[in-house]
């Protein structure tokens, strides 16, 4: 999954530049303590889980196209 996240990061950086930041978090590590809201829903989702702006958005796979569309929609909403 880490490799998929790295590929996603490259794709999103090509589309959005520095407006996006992709971070891979291994849910089996102590790092999850930094994300209590996300940790609380892990039993109900399938990994990988995509979180955008601290909100869980997609689970069960990584699609650069779907995630890019969501980021574009968020940008559009912020601009209006």
PDB file of N, CA and C in Angstrom:
ATOM      1  N   UNK A   1       0.812  -1.193   0.000  1.00  0.00           N
ATOM      2  CA  UNK A   1       0.000   0.000   0.000  1.00  0.00           C
ATOM      3  C   UNK A   1       0.857   1.260   0.000  1.00  0.00           C
ATOM      4  N   UNK A   2       2.004   1.195   0.625  1.00  0.00           N
ATOM      5  CA  UNK A   2       2.873   2.378   0.672  1.00  0.00           C
ATOM      6  C   UNK A   2       3.305   2.774  -0.736  1.00  0.00           C
ATOM      7  N   UNK A   3       3.601   1.792  -1.561  1.00  0.00           N
ATOM      8  CA  UNK A   3       4.003   2.080  -2.939  1.00  0.00           C
ATOM      9  C   UNK A   3       2.842   2.724  -3.715  1.00  0.00           C
ATOM     10  N   UNK A   4       1.630   2.244  -3.494  1.00  0.00           N
ATOM     11  CA  UNK A   4       0.462   2.854  -4.140  1.00  0.00           C
ATOM     12  C   UNK A   4       0.294   4.306  -3.708  1.00  0.00           C
ATOM     13  N   UNK A   5       0.528   4.572  -2.421  1.00  0.00           N
ATOM     14  CA  UNK A   5       0.427   5.943  -1.915  1.00  0.00           C
ATOM     15  C   UNK A   5       1.495   6.833  -2.554  1.00  0.00           C
ATOM     16  N   UNK A   6       2.680   6.294  -2.756  1.00  0.00           N
ATOM     17  CA  UNK A   6       3.742   7.064  -3.410  1.00  0.00           C
ATOM     18  C   UNK A   6       3.377   7.365  -4.862  1.00  0.00           C
ATOM     19  N   UNK A   7       2.805   6.395  -5.554  1.00  0.00           N
ATOM     20  CA  UNK A   7       2.351   6.611  -6.933  1.00  0.00           C
ATOM     21  C   UNK A   7       1.246   7.664  -6.973  1.00  0.00           C
ATOM     22  N   UNK A   8       0.335   7.592  -6.011  1.00  0.00           N
ATOM     23  CA  UNK A   8      -0.739   8.577  -5.924  1.00  0.00           C
ATOM     24  C   UNK A   8      -0.162   9.972  -5.697  1.00  0.00           C
ATOM     25  N   UNK A   9       0.814  10.069  -4.828  1.00  0.00           N
ATOM     26  CA  UNK A   9       1.433  11.357  -4.542  1.00  0.00           C
ATOM     27  C   UNK A   9       2.021  11.978  -5.801  1.00  0.00           C
ATOM     28  N   UNK A  10       2.695  11.175  -6.584  1.00  0.00           N
ATOM     29  CA  UNK A  10       3.290  11.667  -7.843  1.00  0.00           C
ATOM     30  C   UNK A  10       2.196  12.167  -8.774  1.00  0.00           C
ATOM     31  N   UNK A  11       1.143  11.392  -8.931  1.00  0.00           N
ATOM     32  CA  UNK A  11       0.051  11.772  -9.833  1.00  0.00           C
ATOM     33  C   UNK A  11      -0.623  13.061  -9.367  1.00  0.00           C
ATOM     34  N   UNK A  12      -0.871  13.180  -8.071  1.00  0.00           N
ATOM     35  CA  UNK A  12      -1.533  14.372  -7.559  1.00  0.00           C
ATOM     36  C   UNK A  12      -0.634  15.598  -7.632  1.00  0.00           C
ATOM     37  N   UNK A  13       0.649  15.416  -7.389  1.00  0.00           N
ATOM     38  CA  UNK A  13       1.590  16.543  -7.500  1.00  0.00           C
ATOM     39  C   UNK A  13       1.659  17.039  -8.941  1.00  0.00           C
ATOM     40  N   UNK A  14       1.571  16.122  -9.907  1.00  0.00           N
ATOM     41  CA  UNK A  14       1.575  16.526 -11.313  1.00  0.00           C
ATOM     42  C   UNK A  14       0.343  17.356 -11.643  1.00  0.00           C
ATOM     43  N   UNK A  15      -0.781  17.023 -11.049  1.00  0.00           N
ATOM     44  CA  UNK A  15      -2.026  17.726 -11.322  1.00  0.00           C
ATOM     45  C   UNK A  15      -2.207  18.996 -10.495  1.00  0.00           C
ATOM     46  N   UNK A  16      -1.777  18.963  -9.228  1.00  0.00           N
ATOM     47  CA  UNK A  16      -2.100  20.044  -8.299  1.00  0.00           C
ATOM     48  C   UNK A  16      -0.887  20.747  -7.699  1.00  0.00           C
ATOM     49  N   UNK A  17       0.297  20.265  -8.005  1.00  0.00           N
ATOM     50  CA  UNK A  17       1.495  20.895  -7.457  1.00  0.00           C
ATOM     51  C   UNK A  17       1.535  20.819  -5.940  1.00  0.00           C
ATOM     52  N   UNK A  18       1.970  21.917  -5.337  1.00  0.00           N
ATOM     53  CA  UNK A  18       2.129  21.953  -3.884  1.00  0.00           C
ATOM     54  C   UNK A  18       0.824  22.163  -3.131  1.00  0.00           C
ATOM     55  N   UNK A  19      -0.287  22.196  -3.844  1.00  0.00           N
ATOM     56  CA  UNK A  19      -1.583  22.353  -3.176  1.00  0.00           C
ATOM     57  C   UNK A  19      -2.008  21.085  -2.450  1.00  0.00           C
ATOM     58  N   UNK A  20      -1.362  19.965  -2.757  1.00  0.00           N
ATOM     59  CA  UNK A  20      -1.708  18.702  -2.106  1.00  0.00           C
ATOM     60  C   UNK A  20      -0.510  18.138  -1.366  1.00  0.00           C
ATOM     61  N   UNK A  21      -0.819  17.390  -0.326  1.00  0.00           N
ATOM     62  CA  UNK A  21       0.196  16.692   0.442  1.00  0.00           C
ATOM     63  C   UNK A  21      -0.328  15.283   0.695  1.00  0.00           C
ATOM     64  N   UNK A  22       0.423  14.291   0.283  1.00  0.00           N
ATOM     65  CA  UNK A  22       0.028  12.896   0.480  1.00  0.00           C
ATOM     66  C   UNK A  22       0.920  12.302   1.565  1.00  0.00           C
ATOM     67  N   UNK A  23       0.284  11.676   2.534  1.00  0.00           N
ATOM     68  CA  UNK A  23       1.031  11.050   3.618  1.00  0.00           C
ATOM     69  C   UNK A  23       0.517   9.636   3.818  1.00  0.00           C
ATOM     70  N   UNK A  24       1.407   8.681   3.819  1.00  0.00           N
ATOM     71  CA  UNK A  24       1.056   7.296   4.102  1.00  0.00           C
ATOM     72  C   UNK A  24       1.195   7.069   5.600  1.00  0.00           C
ATOM     73  N   UNK A  25       0.167   6.526   6.214  1.00  0.00           N
ATOM     74  CA  UNK A  25       0.215   6.208   7.641  1.00  0.00           C
ATOM     75  C   UNK A  25      -0.090   4.725   7.802  1.00  0.00           C
ATOM     76  N   UNK A  26       0.835   3.994   8.383  1.00  0.00           N
ATOM     77  CA  UNK A  26       0.631   2.578   8.675  1.00  0.00           C
ATOM     78  C   UNK A  26      -0.269   2.485   9.906  1.00  0.00           C
ATOM     79  N   UNK A  27      -1.461   1.935   9.733  1.00  0.00           N
ATOM     80  CA  UNK A  27      -2.446   1.908  10.822  1.00  0.00           C
ATOM     81  C   UNK A  27      -2.039   0.991  11.971  1.00  0.00           C
ATOM     82  N   UNK A  28      -0.980   0.212  11.813  1.00  0.00           N
ATOM     83  CA  UNK A  28      -0.535  -0.684  12.878  1.00  0.00           C
ATOM     84  C   UNK A  28       0.541  -0.046  13.750  1.00  0.00           C
ATOM     85  N   UNK A  29       0.836   1.234  13.510  1.00  0.00           N
ATOM     86  CA  UNK A  29       1.912   1.893  14.259  1.00  0.00           C
ATOM     87  C   UNK A  29       1.358   2.889  15.269  1.00  0.00           C
ATOM     88  N   UNK A  30       2.232   3.361  16.126  1.00  0.00           N
ATOM     89  CA  UNK A  30       1.884   4.356  17.134  1.00  0.00           C
ATOM     90  C   UNK A  30       1.459   5.677  16.499  1.00  0.00           C
ATOM     91  N   UNK A  31       1.817   5.904  15.264  1.00  0.00           N
ATOM     92  CA  UNK A  31       1.460   7.143  14.571  1.00  0.00           C
ATOM     93  C   UNK A  31      -0.058   7.355  14.540  1.00  0.00           C
ATOM     94  N   UNK A  32      -0.814   6.287  14.611  1.00  0.00           N
ATOM     95  CA  UNK A  32      -2.275   6.397  14.577  1.00  0.00           C
ATOM     96  C   UNK A  32      -2.828   7.180  15.777  1.00  0.00           C
ATOM     97  N   UNK A  33      -2.052   7.289  16.844  1.00  0.00           N
ATOM     98  CA  UNK A  33      -2.491   8.082  17.992  1.00  0.00           C
ATOM     99  C   UNK A  33      -2.704   9.544  17.602  1.00  0.00           C
ATOM    100  N   UNK A  34      -2.051   9.971  16.539  1.00  0.00           N
ATOM    101  CA  UNK A  34      -2.204  11.343  16.053  1.00  0.00           C
ATOM    102  C   UNK A  34      -3.528  11.544  15.309  1.00  0.00           C
ATOM    103  N   UNK A  35      -4.233  10.451  15.036  1.00  0.00           N
ATOM    104  CA  UNK A  35      -5.469  10.500  14.256  1.00  0.00           C
ATOM    105  C   UNK A  35      -6.596   9.746  14.968  1.00  0.00           C
ATOM    106  N   UNK A  36      -7.009  10.189  16.136  1.00  0.00           N
ATOM    107  CA  UNK A  36      -8.015   9.435  16.904  1.00  0.00           C
ATOM    108  C   UNK A  36      -9.347   9.296  16.160  1.00  0.00           C
ATOM    109  N   UNK A  37      -9.754  10.313  15.437  1.00  0.00           N
ATOM    110  CA  UNK A  37     -11.014  10.245  14.687  1.00  0.00           C
ATOM    111  C   UNK A  37     -10.961   9.126  13.649  1.00  0.00           C
ATOM    112  N   UNK A  38      -9.843   9.009  12.989  1.00  0.00           N
ATOM    113  CA  UNK A  38      -9.666   7.978  11.959  1.00  0.00           C
ATOM    114  C   UNK A  38      -9.531   6.610  12.622  1.00  0.00           C
ATOM    115  N   UNK A  39      -8.771   6.535  13.695  1.00  0.00           N
ATOM    116  CA  UNK A  39      -8.593   5.254  14.396  1.00  0.00           C
ATOM    117  C   UNK A  39      -9.936   4.685  14.844  1.00  0.00           C
ATOM    118  N   UNK A  40     -10.857   5.553  15.223  1.00  0.00           N
ATOM    119  CA  UNK A  40     -12.147   5.072  15.725  1.00  0.00           C
ATOM    120  C   UNK A  40     -13.009   4.424  14.647  1.00  0.00           C
ATOM    121  N   UNK A  41     -12.782   4.746  13.378  1.00  0.00           N
ATOM    122  CA  UNK A  41     -13.602   4.149  12.318  1.00  0.00           C
ATOM    123  C   UNK A  41     -12.930   2.973  11.620  1.00  0.00           C
ATOM    124  N   UNK A  42     -11.677   2.714  11.923  1.00  0.00           N
ATOM    125  CA  UNK A  42     -10.946   1.643  11.225  1.00  0.00           C
ATOM    126  C   UNK A  42     -11.657   0.297  11.241  1.00  0.00           C
ATOM    127  N   UNK A  43     -12.305  -0.094  12.337  1.00  0.00           N
ATOM    128  CA  UNK A  43     -12.982  -1.400  12.315  1.00  0.00           C
ATOM    129  C   UNK A  43     -14.128  -1.496  11.293  1.00  0.00           C
ATOM    130  N   UNK A  44     -14.601  -0.344  10.801  1.00  0.00           N
ATOM    131  CA  UNK A  44     -15.752  -0.341   9.895  1.00  0.00           C
ATOM    132  C   UNK A  44     -15.378  -0.105   8.431  1.00  0.00           C
ATOM    133  N   UNK A  45     -14.105   0.031   8.126  1.00  0.00           N
ATOM    134  CA  UNK A  45     -13.700   0.316   6.751  1.00  0.00           C
ATOM    135  C   UNK A  45     -12.731  -0.741   6.254  1.00  0.00           C
ATOM    136  N   UNK A  46     -12.599  -0.782   4.926  1.00  0.00           N
ATOM    137  CA  UNK A  46     -11.586  -1.637   4.311  1.00  0.00           C
ATOM    138  C   UNK A  46     -10.413  -0.758   3.908  1.00  0.00           C
ATOM    139  N   UNK A  47      -9.230  -1.220   4.211  1.00  0.00           N
ATOM    140  CA  UNK A  47      -8.027  -0.474   3.836  1.00  0.00           C
ATOM    141  C   UNK A  47      -7.704  -0.713   2.370  1.00  0.00           C
ATOM    142  N   UNK A  48      -7.090   0.225   1.711  1.00  0.00           N
ATOM    143  CA  UNK A  48      -6.620   1.508   2.221  1.00  0.00           C
ATOM    144  C   UNK A  48      -7.762   2.499   2.386  1.00  0.00           C
ATOM    145  N   UNK A  49      -7.555   3.423   3.302  1.00  0.00           N
ATOM    146  CA  UNK A  49      -8.518   4.479   3.582  1.00  0.00           C
ATOM    147  C   UNK A  49      -7.920   5.796   3.112  1.00  0.00           C
ATOM    148  N   UNK A  50      -8.659   6.522   2.298  1.00  0.00           N
ATOM    149  CA  UNK A  50      -8.207   7.833   1.826  1.00  0.00           C
ATOM    150  C   UNK A  50      -8.919   8.903   2.636  1.00  0.00           C
ATOM    151  N   UNK A  51      -8.118   9.782   3.225  1.00  0.00           N
ATOM    152  CA  UNK A  51      -8.631  10.886   4.042  1.00  0.00           C
ATOM    153  C   UNK A  51      -8.224  12.185   3.361  1.00  0.00           C
ATOM    154  N   UNK A  52      -9.185  13.065   3.167  1.00  0.00           N
ATOM    155  CA  UNK A  52      -8.906  14.363   2.551  1.00  0.00           C
ATOM    156  C   UNK A  52      -9.350  15.442   3.521  1.00  0.00           C
ATOM    157  N   UNK A  53      -8.418  16.328   3.863  1.00  0.00           N
ATOM    158  CA  UNK A  53      -8.709  17.410   4.820  1.00  0.00           C
ATOM    159  C   UNK A  53      -9.317  16.867   6.112  1.00  0.00           C
ATOM    160  N   UNK A  54      -8.701  15.824   6.637  1.00  0.00           N
ATOM    161  CA  UNK A  54      -9.095  15.193   7.901  1.00  0.00           C
ATOM    162  C   UNK A  54     -10.449  14.493   7.864  1.00  0.00           C
ATOM    163  N   UNK A  55     -11.017  14.310   6.677  1.00  0.00           N
ATOM    164  CA  UNK A  55     -12.292  13.619   6.551  1.00  0.00           C
ATOM    165  C   UNK A  55     -12.115  12.329   5.750  1.00  0.00           C
ATOM    166  N   UNK A  56     -12.530  11.187   6.300  1.00  0.00           N
ATOM    167  CA  UNK A  56     -12.461   9.942   5.530  1.00  0.00           C
ATOM    168  C   UNK A  56     -13.332  10.067   4.285  1.00  0.00           C
ATOM    169  N   UNK A  57     -12.775   9.710   3.122  1.00  0.00           N
ATOM    170  CA  UNK A  57     -13.521   9.879   1.880  1.00  0.00           C
ATOM    171  C   UNK A  57     -13.746   8.569   1.144  1.00  0.00           C
ATOM    172  N   UNK A  58     -12.696   7.759   0.996  1.00  0.00           N
ATOM    173  CA  UNK A  58     -12.794   6.532   0.208  1.00  0.00           C
ATOM    174  C   UNK A  58     -12.079   5.409   0.940  1.00  0.00           C
ATOM    175  N   UNK A  59     -12.602   4.186   0.782  1.00  0.00           N
ATOM    176  CA  UNK A  59     -11.889   3.047   1.372  1.00  0.00           C
ATOM    177  C   UNK A  59     -11.978   1.853   0.438  1.00  0.00           C
ATOM    178  N   UNK A  60     -11.021   0.946   0.605  1.00  0.00           N
ATOM    179  CA  UNK A  60     -11.020  -0.285  -0.167  1.00  0.00           C
ATOM    180  C   UNK A  60     -10.180  -0.248  -1.428  1.00  0.00           C
ATOM    181  N   UNK A  61      -9.577   0.889  -1.747  1.00  0.00           N
ATOM    182  CA  UNK A  61      -8.739   0.985  -2.932  1.00  0.00           C
ATOM    183  C   UNK A  61      -8.235   2.402  -3.109  1.00  0.00           C
ATOM    184  N   UNK A  62      -7.263   2.536  -3.994  1.00  0.00           N
ATOM    185  CA  UNK A  62      -6.715   3.858  -4.293  1.00  0.00           C
ATOM    186  C   UNK A  62      -6.901   4.111  -5.777  1.00  0.00           C
ATOM    187  N   UNK A  63      -7.641   5.160  -6.102  1.00  0.00           N
ATOM    188  CA  UNK A  63      -7.851   5.561  -7.491  1.00  0.00           C
ATOM    189  C   UNK A  63      -7.430   7.011  -7.640  1.00  0.00           C
ATOM    190  N   UNK A  64      -6.341   7.237  -8.371  1.00  0.00           N
ATOM    191  CA  UNK A  64      -5.866   8.606  -8.577  1.00  0.00           C
ATOM    192  C   UNK A  64      -6.939   9.446  -9.257  1.00  0.00           C
ATOM    193  N   UNK A  65      -7.689   8.844 -10.162  1.00  0.00           N
ATOM    194  CA  UNK A  65      -8.729   9.584 -10.877  1.00  0.00           C
ATOM    195  C   UNK A  65      -9.850  10.020  -9.930  1.00  0.00           C
ATOM    196  N   UNK A  66     -10.322   9.110  -9.108  1.00  0.00           N
ATOM    197  CA  UNK A  66     -11.406   9.424  -8.170  1.00  0.00           C
ATOM    198  C   UNK A  66     -10.943  10.463  -7.150  1.00  0.00           C
ATOM    199  N   UNK A  67      -9.743  10.291  -6.638  1.00  0.00           N
ATOM    200  CA  UNK A  67      -9.219  11.228  -5.645  1.00  0.00           C
ATOM    201  C   UNK A  67      -8.978  12.593  -6.283  1.00  0.00           C
ATOM    202  N   UNK A  68      -8.451  12.616  -7.503  1.00  0.00           N
ATOM    203  CA  UNK A  68      -8.249  13.883  -8.214  1.00  0.00           C
ATOM    204  C   UNK A  68      -9.571  14.600  -8.426  1.00  0.00           C
ATOM    205  N   UNK A  69     -10.596  13.865  -8.799  1.00  0.00           N
ATOM    206  CA  UNK A  69     -11.922  14.463  -8.984  1.00  0.00           C
ATOM    207  C   UNK A  69     -12.419  15.078  -7.675  1.00  0.00           C
ATOM    208  N   UNK A  70     -12.215  14.393  -6.572  1.00  0.00           N
ATOM    209  CA  UNK A  70     -12.655  14.904  -5.270  1.00  0.00           C
ATOM    210  C   UNK A  70     -11.893  16.178  -4.903  1.00  0.00           C
ATOM    211  N   UNK A  71     -10.597  16.198  -5.176  1.00  0.00           N
ATOM    212  CA  UNK A  71      -9.792  17.389  -4.879  1.00  0.00           C
ATOM    213  C   UNK A  71     -10.240  18.554  -5.764  1.00  0.00           C
ATOM    214  N   UNK A  72     -10.487  18.285  -7.038  1.00  0.00           N
ATOM    215  CA  UNK A  72     -10.976  19.339  -7.941  1.00  0.00           C
ATOM    216  C   UNK A  72     -12.311  19.908  -7.451  1.00  0.00           C
ATOM    217  N   UNK A  73     -13.191  19.033  -7.021  1.00  0.00           N
ATOM    218  CA  UNK A  73     -14.493  19.465  -6.520  1.00  0.00           C
ATOM    219  C   UNK A  73     -14.327  20.340  -5.280  1.00  0.00           C
ATOM    220  N   UNK A  74     -13.419  19.944  -4.399  1.00  0.00           N
ATOM    221  CA  UNK A  74     -13.171  20.749  -3.205  1.00  0.00           C
ATOM    222  C   UNK A  74     -12.608  22.110  -3.577  1.00  0.00           C
ATOM    223  N   UNK A  75     -11.703  22.147  -4.542  1.00  0.00           N
ATOM    224  CA  UNK A  75     -11.140  23.423  -4.997  1.00  0.00           C
ATOM    225  C   UNK A  75     -12.236  24.306  -5.576  1.00  0.00           C
ATOM    226  N   UNK A  76     -13.102  23.707  -6.375  1.00  0.00           N
ATOM    227  CA  UNK A  76     -14.179  24.448  -7.002  1.00  0.00           C
ATOM    228  C   UNK A  76     -15.101  25.050  -5.930  1.00  0.00           C
ATOM    229  N   UNK A  77     -15.408  24.281  -4.916  1.00  0.00           N
ATOM    230  CA  UNK A  77     -16.269  24.754  -3.827  1.00  0.00           C
ATOM    231  C   UNK A  77     -15.608  25.867  -3.017  1.00  0.00           C
ATOM    232  N   UNK A  78     -14.288  25.800  -2.865  1.00  0.00           N
ATOM    233  CA  UNK A  78     -13.568  26.833  -2.129  1.00  0.00           C
ATOM    234  C   UNK A  78     -13.496  28.130  -2.933  1.00  0.00           C
ATOM    235  N   UNK A  79     -13.433  28.005  -4.265  1.00  0.00           N
ATOM    236  CA  UNK A  79     -13.322  29.183  -5.112  1.00  0.00           C
ATOM    237  C   UNK A  79     -14.642  29.924  -5.258  1.00  0.00           C
ATOM    238  N   UNK A  80     -15.751  29.241  -4.986  1.00  0.00           N
ATOM    239  CA  UNK A  80     -17.055  29.899  -5.182  1.00  0.00           C
ATOM    240  C   UNK A  80     -17.571  30.546  -3.918  1.00  0.00           C
TER     241      UNK A  80
END
